[in-house]
Protein backbone atom coordinates (compact mmCIF):
# COMPACT_ATOMS: atom_id res chain seq x y z
CA MET A 1 -4.64 -33.34 4.99
CA THR A 2 -7.51 -30.97 6.20
CA ALA A 3 -7.27 -29.67 9.76
CA ARG A 4 -9.45 -30.87 12.37
CA PRO A 5 -11.66 -28.09 13.97
CA MET A 6 -11.04 -26.86 17.31
CA GLN A 7 -13.09 -28.31 20.25
CA SER A 8 -14.02 -26.48 23.41
CA LEU A 9 -13.81 -28.33 26.76
CA ARG A 10 -16.14 -25.73 28.09
CA VAL A 11 -18.98 -26.50 25.50
CA ARG A 12 -18.33 -30.27 25.76
CA LEU A 13 -18.59 -29.95 29.50
CA VAL A 14 -21.95 -28.04 29.43
CA LEU A 15 -23.30 -30.16 26.63
CA GLY A 16 -22.33 -33.35 28.28
CA LEU A 17 -23.82 -32.39 31.63
CA SER A 18 -26.92 -31.26 29.92
CA LEU A 19 -27.42 -34.37 27.98
CA THR A 20 -26.83 -36.50 31.21
CA ILE A 21 -29.38 -34.27 33.04
CA CYS A 22 -32.00 -34.65 30.12
CA MET A 23 -31.64 -38.39 30.12
CA VAL A 24 -31.76 -38.79 33.81
CA TRP A 25 -34.67 -36.58 34.29
CA SER A 26 -36.46 -37.86 31.23
CA GLY A 27 -36.11 -41.32 32.49
CA VAL A 28 -37.72 -40.19 36.01
CA ALA A 29 -40.42 -38.18 34.28
CA ILE A 30 -41.68 -41.30 32.16
CA TRP A 31 -41.62 -43.48 35.46
CA GLN A 32 -43.37 -40.88 37.30
CA PHE A 33 -45.85 -40.02 34.46
CA THR A 34 -46.88 -43.85 34.11
CA ASN A 35 -47.05 -44.17 37.66
CA MET A 36 -49.08 -41.05 38.21
CA GLN A 37 -51.52 -41.82 35.41
CA ARG A 38 -52.08 -45.43 36.92
CA GLU A 39 -52.54 -43.84 40.45
CA LEU A 40 -55.00 -41.21 39.08
CA ARG A 41 -57.18 -43.63 37.18
CA THR A 42 -57.15 -45.67 40.37
CA LEU A 43 -58.03 -42.87 42.65
CA LEU A 44 -60.94 -41.67 40.34
CA ASP A 45 -62.20 -45.09 40.17
CA ASP A 46 -62.28 -45.14 43.88
CA ARG A 47 -64.19 -41.92 44.02
CA LEU A 48 -66.81 -43.35 41.55
CA ILE A 49 -67.10 -46.52 43.94
CA ALA A 50 -67.24 -44.25 47.18
CA SER A 51 -69.78 -42.16 45.75
CA ALA A 52 -71.91 -44.99 44.63
CA ARG A 53 -71.66 -46.66 48.13
CA MET A 54 -72.53 -43.33 49.86
CA VAL A 55 -75.70 -42.79 47.58
CA VAL A 56 -77.05 -46.44 48.20
CA GLY A 57 -76.77 -45.94 51.83
CA ILE A 58 -78.76 -42.70 51.82
CA VAL A 59 -81.29 -43.84 49.36
CA GLN A 60 -81.94 -46.87 51.33
CA GLN A 61 -83.06 -44.58 54.15
CA PHE A 62 -86.07 -43.58 52.15
CA GLN A 63 -89.28 -45.56 51.44
CA GLN A 64 -89.06 -47.27 48.01
CA ALA A 65 -92.71 -46.96 47.51
CA GLU A 66 -92.47 -43.24 48.05
CA LEU A 67 -89.64 -42.87 45.59
CA ALA A 68 -91.27 -44.97 43.07
CA ALA A 69 -94.65 -43.08 43.26
CA ALA A 70 -93.23 -39.57 43.26
CA PRO A 71 -92.16 -38.10 40.22
CA ARG A 72 -88.39 -38.01 39.31
CA ALA A 73 -88.38 -34.31 39.17
CA SER A 74 -89.92 -33.98 42.59
CA ASN A 75 -87.15 -35.86 44.54
CA ASP A 76 -85.47 -32.58 45.36
CA ALA A 77 -84.15 -34.06 48.50
CA LEU A 78 -82.67 -37.09 46.95
CA LEU A 79 -81.07 -34.87 44.01
CA SER A 80 -79.61 -32.58 46.76
CA VAL A 81 -78.05 -35.72 48.39
CA ILE A 82 -76.59 -37.48 45.26
CA GLY A 83 -75.23 -34.28 43.73
CA ARG A 84 -73.34 -33.21 47.03
CA ASP A 85 -69.94 -34.29 45.88
CA GLY A 86 -70.15 -33.16 42.17
CA VAL A 87 -70.04 -36.85 40.61
CA ALA A 88 -72.40 -37.57 37.85
CA CYS A 89 -74.86 -40.08 39.44
CA GLU A 90 -78.10 -41.68 38.56
CA VAL A 91 -80.52 -43.68 41.04
CA SER A 92 -82.75 -46.35 39.86
CA LEU A 93 -85.17 -48.85 41.28
CA VAL A 94 -84.72 -52.44 39.85
CA ARG A 95 -88.27 -53.94 39.73
CA SER A 96 -87.13 -56.91 37.60
CA GLU A 97 -84.09 -57.87 35.31
CA VAL A 98 -85.74 -55.70 32.58
CA ASP A 99 -87.57 -53.02 34.57
CA ILE A 100 -85.32 -50.55 35.84
CA LEU A 101 -87.08 -47.24 37.00
CA PRO A 102 -84.83 -44.18 37.43
CA ILE A 103 -85.98 -42.09 40.06
CA ALA A 104 -83.26 -39.32 40.31
CA ARG A 105 -80.30 -38.09 38.37
CA THR A 106 -77.95 -35.16 38.07
CA ASN A 107 -78.07 -33.06 34.98
CA ASN A 108 -74.35 -34.11 34.09
CA ILE A 109 -74.78 -37.65 33.66
CA PRO A 110 -75.44 -39.36 30.38
CA ASP A 111 -78.78 -41.40 29.80
CA MET A 112 -78.66 -45.16 30.29
CA ALA A 113 -75.67 -44.79 32.74
CA SER A 114 -77.34 -47.43 34.89
CA ALA A 115 -77.77 -49.80 31.99
CA GLY A 116 -75.59 -52.78 31.85
CA SER A 117 -74.17 -55.23 34.68
CA ALA A 118 -72.82 -53.89 37.91
CA GLY A 119 -69.20 -52.87 38.05
CA PHE A 120 -67.13 -50.38 35.61
CA GLY A 121 -67.85 -49.98 32.16
CA GLN A 122 -67.64 -47.32 29.29
CA ILE A 123 -70.31 -45.55 27.33
CA THR A 124 -70.40 -42.64 24.73
CA LYS A 125 -73.00 -40.23 24.77
CA GLY A 126 -73.07 -36.84 22.72
CA GLY A 127 -69.66 -37.50 21.36
CA LYS A 128 -68.00 -37.98 24.80
CA GLN A 129 -66.73 -41.02 26.52
CA TRP A 130 -67.57 -41.83 30.11
CA ARG A 131 -66.17 -43.96 32.65
CA THR A 132 -69.10 -45.52 34.52
CA TYR A 133 -69.53 -47.57 37.71
CA VAL A 134 -73.00 -49.40 38.79
CA LEU A 135 -73.69 -50.66 42.19
CA GLU A 136 -76.97 -52.58 42.93
CA ASP A 137 -77.96 -53.29 46.40
CA LYS A 138 -81.46 -54.19 47.71
CA GLY A 139 -83.25 -53.29 44.72
CA VAL A 140 -81.49 -50.04 44.35
CA ARG A 141 -79.26 -49.28 41.58
CA VAL A 142 -76.73 -46.23 41.50
CA ALA A 143 -74.66 -45.27 38.70
CA THR A 144 -71.82 -42.92 39.07
CA ALA A 145 -69.74 -41.57 36.07
CA ASP A 146 -66.76 -39.44 34.82
CA ARG A 147 -65.92 -37.90 31.59
CA LEU A 148 -62.62 -39.54 30.27
CA ASP A 149 -61.32 -36.12 28.78
CA VAL A 150 -61.69 -34.56 32.00
CA ARG A 151 -59.40 -37.23 33.38
CA ASP A 152 -57.10 -36.49 30.46
CA GLN A 153 -57.04 -32.93 31.27
CA LEU A 154 -56.03 -33.60 34.99
CA VAL A 155 -53.08 -35.77 33.51
CA GLN A 156 -51.98 -32.88 31.07
CA THR A 157 -52.13 -30.56 33.93
CA PHE A 158 -49.84 -32.71 35.90
CA VAL A 159 -47.38 -33.17 32.78
CA ARG A 160 -47.21 -29.37 32.59
CA THR A 161 -46.45 -28.97 36.20
CA LEU A 162 -43.68 -31.61 35.69
CA VAL A 163 -42.11 -30.36 32.46
CA LEU A 164 -42.13 -26.61 33.22
CA PRO A 165 -39.87 -26.86 36.56
CA PHE A 166 -37.64 -29.18 34.44
CA VAL A 167 -37.03 -26.69 31.65
CA LEU A 168 -36.52 -23.77 34.18
CA ALA A 169 -33.94 -26.07 36.20
CA LEU A 170 -32.18 -27.14 32.87
CA ALA A 171 -31.86 -23.53 31.86
CA VAL A 172 -30.52 -22.61 35.26
CA ILE A 173 -28.01 -25.49 35.40
CA LEU A 174 -26.80 -24.72 31.91
CA LEU A 175 -25.96 -21.12 33.13
CA LEU A 176 -24.38 -22.29 36.26
CA THR A 177 -22.47 -24.84 34.49
CA TRP A 178 -21.01 -22.59 31.98
CA TRP A 179 -20.04 -19.84 34.76
CA MET A 180 -18.34 -22.81 36.89
CA GLY A 181 -16.68 -24.30 33.53
CA THR A 182 -15.34 -20.68 32.93
CA ARG A 183 -13.95 -20.45 36.35
CA SER A 184 -12.69 -23.84 36.64
CA LEU A 185 -10.59 -23.42 33.19
CA ARG A 186 -9.12 -20.51 34.39
CA PRO A 187 -6.01 -22.30 35.51
CA LEU A 188 -5.57 -23.30 31.84
CA GLN A 189 -5.79 -19.77 30.76
CA ARG A 190 -3.32 -18.71 33.12
CA LEU A 191 -0.97 -21.57 31.91
CA ARG A 192 -1.38 -20.35 28.31
CA GLU A 193 -0.92 -16.80 29.14
CA GLU A 194 2.70 -17.80 30.90
CA LEU A 195 3.68 -19.86 27.95
CA VAL A 196 2.81 -17.02 25.54
CA GLN A 197 4.79 -14.36 27.63
CA ARG A 198 7.73 -16.79 27.98
CA PRO A 199 10.79 -15.64 26.12
CA PRO A 200 12.52 -18.13 23.70
CA HIS A 201 15.18 -20.67 25.38
CA ASP A 202 13.91 -19.99 28.85
CA PRO A 203 14.34 -23.04 30.54
CA THR A 204 13.04 -22.08 33.99
CA PRO A 205 10.16 -24.45 35.31
CA VAL A 206 6.28 -23.33 34.67
CA GLN A 207 4.75 -22.26 37.67
CA SER A 208 0.95 -21.92 36.60
CA GLY A 209 -1.27 -25.04 37.40
CA ARG A 210 1.01 -26.64 39.89
CA ASP A 211 -1.39 -26.04 42.49
CA VAL A 212 -4.43 -27.81 40.54
CA LYS A 213 -4.54 -31.68 41.02
CA GLU A 214 -5.42 -32.24 37.42
CA LEU A 215 -2.95 -29.77 35.84
CA ALA A 216 -0.05 -30.68 38.03
CA PRO A 217 1.11 -33.88 36.13
CA LEU A 218 0.67 -32.09 32.74
CA VAL A 219 3.02 -28.98 34.13
CA ASP A 220 5.38 -31.53 35.64
CA SER A 221 5.56 -33.22 32.21
CA LEU A 222 5.96 -29.98 30.59
CA ASN A 223 8.94 -28.70 32.86
CA GLN A 224 10.61 -32.24 32.42
CA LEU A 225 10.34 -31.51 28.68
CA LEU A 226 11.80 -28.11 29.04
CA ALA A 227 14.49 -29.47 31.15
CA ARG A 228 15.42 -31.92 28.69
CA MET A 229 15.18 -29.62 25.96
CA ASP A 230 17.53 -27.26 27.94
CA ALA A 231 19.92 -30.22 28.52
CA SER A 232 19.90 -31.25 24.61
CA MET A 233 20.60 -27.60 23.53
CA GLU A 234 23.45 -27.40 26.10
CA HIS A 235 24.67 -30.64 25.05
CA GLU A 236 24.42 -29.45 21.19
CA ARG A 237 26.36 -26.17 22.27
CA ARG A 238 29.09 -28.18 23.99
CA TRP A 239 29.05 -30.72 21.17
CA THR A 240 29.62 -27.86 18.57
CA ALA A 241 32.24 -26.05 20.72
CA ASP A 242 34.23 -29.38 21.21
CA ALA A 243 33.86 -30.31 17.67
CA ALA A 244 34.97 -26.80 16.41
CA HIS A 245 38.09 -26.84 18.75
CA GLU A 246 38.99 -30.51 18.02
CA LEU A 247 38.92 -29.78 14.08
CA ARG A 248 40.60 -26.55 14.52
CA THR A 249 43.97 -28.18 15.46
CA PRO A 250 44.23 -30.48 12.36
CA LEU A 251 43.13 -27.98 10.03
CA THR A 252 45.62 -25.53 11.43
CA ALA A 253 48.40 -28.03 11.14
CA ILE A 254 47.33 -29.00 7.58
CA LYS A 255 47.22 -25.40 6.49
CA THR A 256 50.73 -24.73 8.15
CA HIS A 257 52.21 -27.67 6.51
CA VAL A 258 50.79 -26.94 3.01
CA GLN A 259 52.23 -23.42 3.34
CA VAL A 260 55.65 -24.91 4.31
CA ALA A 261 55.46 -27.13 1.28
CA GLN A 262 54.37 -24.10 -1.07
CA LEU A 263 57.23 -21.99 0.31
CA THR A 264 59.91 -24.63 0.07
CA LEU A 265 58.81 -25.63 -3.60
CA ALA A 266 58.78 -21.79 -4.51
CA ALA A 267 62.22 -21.14 -3.21
CA GLY A 268 63.75 -24.28 -4.74
CA ASN A 269 67.53 -23.14 -4.06
CA ASN A 270 68.95 -26.21 -2.65
CA ASN A 271 68.63 -30.17 -3.13
CA ALA A 272 66.83 -30.42 0.39
CA SER A 273 63.82 -28.48 -0.97
CA PRO A 274 61.88 -31.43 -2.35
CA ASP A 275 62.55 -33.41 0.78
CA LYS A 276 61.24 -30.77 2.92
CA ALA A 277 58.24 -30.17 0.63
CA ALA A 278 57.61 -33.93 0.85
CA ASN A 279 57.73 -34.13 4.57
CA ALA A 280 55.35 -31.08 4.89
CA LEU A 281 52.88 -32.78 2.44
CA ARG A 282 53.23 -35.96 4.29
CA GLN A 283 52.53 -34.32 7.62
CA ALA A 284 49.52 -32.64 5.92
CA GLY A 285 48.19 -35.89 4.70
CA GLU A 286 48.47 -37.18 8.26
CA GLY A 287 46.42 -34.24 9.28
CA ILE A 288 43.92 -34.90 6.89
CA ASP A 289 43.68 -38.58 8.01
CA HIS A 290 43.35 -37.61 11.36
CA MET A 291 40.46 -35.04 10.69
CA HIS A 292 38.82 -37.67 8.62
CA ALA A 293 38.88 -40.13 11.29
CA THR A 294 37.46 -37.52 13.80
CA LEU A 295 34.58 -36.63 11.39
CA GLU A 296 33.79 -40.25 11.02
CA GLN A 297 33.43 -40.75 14.65
CA LEU A 298 31.49 -37.45 15.05
CA LEU A 299 28.92 -38.73 12.43
CA GLN A 300 29.06 -42.16 14.23
CA LEU A 301 28.18 -40.34 17.57
CA ALA A 302 25.56 -38.27 16.01
CA ARG A 303 23.84 -41.32 14.59
CA VAL A 304 23.98 -43.04 17.80
CA GLU A 305 22.59 -40.01 19.73
CA SER A 306 19.90 -39.32 17.30
CA ALA A 307 18.64 -42.89 17.12
CA SER A 308 15.09 -43.70 18.09
CA ALA A 309 14.70 -44.83 21.64
CA GLY A 310 11.59 -47.12 20.27
CA GLU A 311 13.69 -49.09 18.01
CA ALA A 312 12.25 -52.53 17.95
CA ARG A 313 15.22 -54.51 16.70
CA ALA A 314 17.33 -56.49 19.04
CA THR A 315 20.40 -58.65 19.02
CA VAL A 316 19.14 -62.27 19.63
CA GLY A 317 20.64 -65.52 20.58
CA THR A 318 23.82 -66.37 18.51
CA GLY A 319 23.85 -62.88 16.83
CA ILE A 320 25.49 -61.60 19.98
CA ALA A 321 28.53 -63.88 19.77
CA GLN A 322 28.45 -63.06 15.91
CA ALA A 323 28.53 -59.38 16.52
CA PHE A 324 31.69 -59.92 19.09
CA ARG A 325 33.51 -61.80 16.21
CA LEU A 326 32.80 -59.10 13.80
CA ALA A 327 33.89 -56.31 15.96
CA CYS A 328 37.29 -58.54 16.56
CA SER A 329 37.92 -59.00 13.03
CA GLN A 330 37.09 -55.19 12.14
CA SER A 331 39.40 -54.01 14.90
CA LEU A 332 42.30 -56.16 13.75
CA GLN A 333 41.89 -55.06 10.15
CA ARG A 334 41.80 -51.38 11.09
CA ALA A 335 44.85 -51.63 13.13
CA GLU A 336 46.77 -53.42 10.11
CA ASN A 337 45.51 -50.74 8.09
CA GLU A 338 46.43 -48.02 10.50
CA GLY A 339 50.16 -49.70 10.74
CA ILE A 340 49.88 -50.20 14.53
CA GLN A 341 52.79 -52.54 15.74
CA LEU A 342 51.04 -55.49 17.33
CA PRO A 343 52.20 -58.49 19.18
CA SER A 344 51.59 -62.08 17.75
CA PRO A 345 48.96 -63.12 18.28
CA PRO A 346 47.51 -59.45 18.79
CA LEU A 347 44.16 -60.52 20.21
CA ASP A 348 42.98 -63.15 22.69
CA ALA A 349 39.19 -63.44 22.35
CA ALA A 350 36.93 -65.71 24.35
CA GLU A 351 33.41 -66.32 24.42
CA ILE A 352 31.74 -67.77 27.70
CA PRO A 353 29.94 -70.02 27.29
CA ALA A 354 31.53 -71.21 24.14
CA ASP A 355 28.50 -73.25 23.04
CA PRO A 356 26.61 -71.30 20.49
CA ALA A 357 23.31 -73.11 21.63
CA ALA A 358 23.76 -71.47 24.96
CA TRP A 359 23.16 -68.07 23.66
CA GLN A 360 19.67 -68.83 22.19
CA ALA A 361 17.86 -68.10 25.43
CA ILE A 362 18.64 -64.45 25.74
CA GLN A 363 18.70 -61.15 23.65
CA LEU A 364 20.11 -57.67 23.98
CA PRO A 365 17.99 -54.59 23.54
CA LEU A 366 20.45 -53.29 20.81
CA PRO A 367 20.66 -53.81 17.01
CA PRO A 368 23.46 -55.87 15.99
CA ALA A 369 25.20 -52.98 14.26
CA LEU A 370 25.36 -50.94 17.41
CA LEU A 371 26.55 -53.85 19.56
CA ALA A 372 29.35 -54.44 17.11
CA CYS A 373 30.07 -50.69 16.95
CA ALA A 374 30.58 -50.50 20.78
CA ILE A 375 32.48 -53.66 20.85
CA THR A 376 34.77 -52.49 17.78
CA ASN A 377 35.36 -49.10 19.55
CA LEU A 378 36.41 -50.76 22.85
CA ILE A 379 39.08 -53.14 21.01
CA ASP A 380 40.17 -50.24 18.79
CA ASN A 381 41.08 -48.09 21.81
CA ALA A 382 43.00 -51.05 23.59
CA LEU A 383 44.99 -52.11 20.25
CA ARG A 384 45.90 -48.27 19.78
CA HIS A 385 47.39 -48.02 23.14
CA HIS A 386 48.66 -51.61 23.89
CA GLN A 387 52.45 -52.32 24.61
CA GLY A 388 54.52 -55.48 25.38
CA PRO A 389 54.36 -58.69 23.76
CA ALA A 390 50.99 -60.24 25.38
CA PRO A 391 47.92 -59.83 23.37
CA VAL A 392 45.02 -57.73 24.04
CA SER A 393 42.44 -59.84 25.96
CA ALA A 394 38.53 -59.48 24.74
CA THR A 395 35.99 -61.54 26.67
CA LEU A 396 32.35 -61.97 26.02
CA ARG A 397 30.67 -63.39 28.96
CA TRP A 398 26.83 -64.05 29.87
CA GLN A 399 26.34 -63.94 33.40
CA ALA A 400 23.01 -65.74 34.34
CA ASP A 401 20.91 -64.47 37.27
CA ALA A 402 18.60 -66.48 39.36
CA ALA A 403 15.99 -63.40 39.22
CA GLY A 404 16.10 -63.00 35.47
CA PRO A 405 18.26 -63.66 32.29
CA GLY A 406 21.12 -61.68 33.92
CA THR A 407 23.72 -59.51 31.81
CA VAL A 408 26.12 -59.83 29.09
CA GLU A 409 29.46 -58.46 29.95
CA VAL A 410 32.25 -57.51 27.39
CA CYS A 411 35.63 -57.11 29.12
CA VAL A 412 38.55 -55.76 27.21
CA ARG A 413 42.13 -55.27 28.59
CA ASP A 414 45.12 -53.72 27.23
CA GLU A 415 48.74 -53.53 28.63
CA GLY A 416 49.38 -49.74 27.82
CA PRO A 417 50.32 -47.07 29.98
CA GLY A 418 46.80 -47.16 31.61
CA LEU A 419 44.80 -44.49 33.37
CA THR A 420 44.43 -43.28 37.02
CA PRO A 421 40.95 -43.75 38.59
CA ALA A 422 40.34 -39.82 38.24
CA GLU A 423 41.36 -40.13 34.37
CA CYS A 424 39.08 -43.12 33.95
CA GLU A 425 36.18 -40.81 34.80
CA GLN A 426 37.42 -38.20 32.58
CA ALA A 427 37.96 -40.47 29.73
CA LEU A 428 34.25 -40.85 29.02
CA ARG A 429 33.96 -37.31 28.07
CA ARG A 430 34.10 -36.13 24.44
CA PHE A 431 37.24 -35.29 22.97
CA TRP A 432 39.23 -36.21 25.87
CA ARG A 433 42.84 -37.59 25.50
CA LYS A 434 45.48 -38.01 28.04
CA SER A 435 47.81 -35.83 26.05
CA SER A 436 47.59 -33.98 22.74
CA SER A 437 49.98 -36.32 21.29
CA SER A 438 47.89 -39.31 22.01
CA PRO A 439 46.49 -41.25 19.03
CA GLY A 440 42.88 -41.21 18.41
CA SER A 441 39.99 -38.40 18.67
CA GLY A 442 38.71 -38.89 22.16
CA LEU A 443 35.30 -39.97 20.83
CA GLY A 444 35.54 -43.94 20.89
CA LEU A 445 34.56 -44.37 24.43
CA THR A 446 31.96 -41.55 24.26
CA ILE A 447 30.16 -43.49 21.50
CA VAL A 448 30.49 -46.80 23.55
CA ARG A 449 28.88 -45.16 26.70
CA ARG A 450 26.20 -43.66 24.73
CA ILE A 451 25.32 -47.00 23.22
CA ALA A 452 25.41 -48.79 26.67
CA GLU A 453 22.95 -46.05 27.84
CA SER A 454 20.56 -46.57 24.98
CA ALA A 455 20.26 -50.11 26.20
CA HIS A 456 20.21 -49.21 30.09
CA GLY A 457 23.59 -50.50 30.44
CA THR A 458 26.96 -49.29 31.88
CA LEU A 459 30.66 -48.82 30.71
CA THR A 460 33.41 -48.64 33.46
CA LEU A 461 37.10 -48.05 33.20
CA GLU A 462 39.25 -49.55 35.68
CA PRO A 463 42.99 -49.16 35.98
CA ALA A 464 44.78 -52.66 35.57
CA GLN A 465 48.44 -53.44 36.42
CA PRO A 466 49.55 -52.91 33.91
CA GLY A 467 47.05 -51.19 31.39
CA LEU A 468 43.35 -50.36 31.44
CA ARG A 469 40.14 -52.65 31.70
CA ALA A 470 37.12 -51.61 30.04
CA ARG A 471 33.79 -53.40 31.13
CA LEU A 472 30.55 -52.97 28.88
CA CYS A 473 27.64 -54.31 30.68
CA LEU A 474 24.33 -54.79 29.20
CA PRO A 475 21.12 -56.17 30.57
CA ALA A 476 19.79 -59.27 28.85
CA LEU A 477 16.42 -60.12 28.16
CA ALA A 478 14.39 -63.36 27.68
CA VAL A 479 13.81 -64.43 24.24
CA THR A 480 10.18 -63.74 23.02
CA SER A 481 8.37 -65.87 20.54
CA SER A 482 8.26 -63.01 18.01
CA ALA A 483 12.13 -62.23 18.41
CA ALA A 484 12.78 -65.95 17.98
CA LYS A 485 11.19 -65.93 14.63
CA ASP A 486 13.12 -62.82 13.63
């Protein structure tokens, strides 16, 4: 897999802003150019009309007979008038529809400028195109003209005056944007420097960027991540220390019993030696069983705590009651294998509601295996400490709520020695046992609590008279169509 090239926020900012400015200014420039070109042509056409009207008014002050009799070259007075505003102009007298007598003209106007009908026109003379305007009034015809290439030069001059400031402004904007982007990204640089200089395993919150509105959420998320990592590392340190301490005791006992058996068998000087060796080996075997059970629960706890929070599987409908029944069956089988003395019947299990169809409307955000594991650990703990002739009570109850699907509660009660309110809080910690001689490894309730927390539920222990009551409450969810299909 090829690595993606690194991208620069500063370069993207400058290029994005430059592209935006170019697009906006280009649109404005095109609109201004089109509008300017139309208005400039209208202005020059109006100039031709105004010049023609002015010349007609002046020519009409002369006597037409005198103008017609005088040679065209001798009309100096008239030439000075029509060439005053610099517009190419030709003055003619109209004698008939086909007889037009030019009487004065400027040197920069093409021949036959006054030919054709009145109004605007276009002629080509000497390879140049001209825009003409012809005005006829009381026998006097005046033609004014402009060269189209001169008009185009005016448009090009305007375009240059428009483009040059744009290019200069764009260059200045790029420089200013680069400078401002560099200054604006300095908090990121300070954040990077602080993270580079931070020693390993330093959980203190990051300070750089907390005063920048855009960086504050990122820094807060980073600090939360550091806090979770520190809590996880501390959790692992405690877990390792507790596990090592818990496993050291059975290992020491196993080693002691094996040494006793070895010494007894080595001596072999009386008839009681085989019995003492067998007893030592039996106690070593019990220690091995205890250590094996502890390791199994440690692995189970590790699997629960490392389970993905985004696991999509859930226990739907009748699967909730099935997991409850499976847990009851597994706990009874395990108690029988361990030789625990139980009353008859050992377990009183109840499902409320008892109708399987009533469970179809809800689901629990837990895989069936984890749900069964939690219930199994609760019942195992109750059977291990139970005393008296009454059976252990286990109840699965769905409590509906008007605001939603409600909660599913698993309640397990035994009639053993019980716990005080303070001990009930301590019992949820890892490896806690009421006494060193108490059965179990002290991990069962911890596993149940972690499973409950993964589903946003709770586990509470309450002293009962007699015994102990454990309540596992899990929030129920409405069954979706996809979950129903599964």
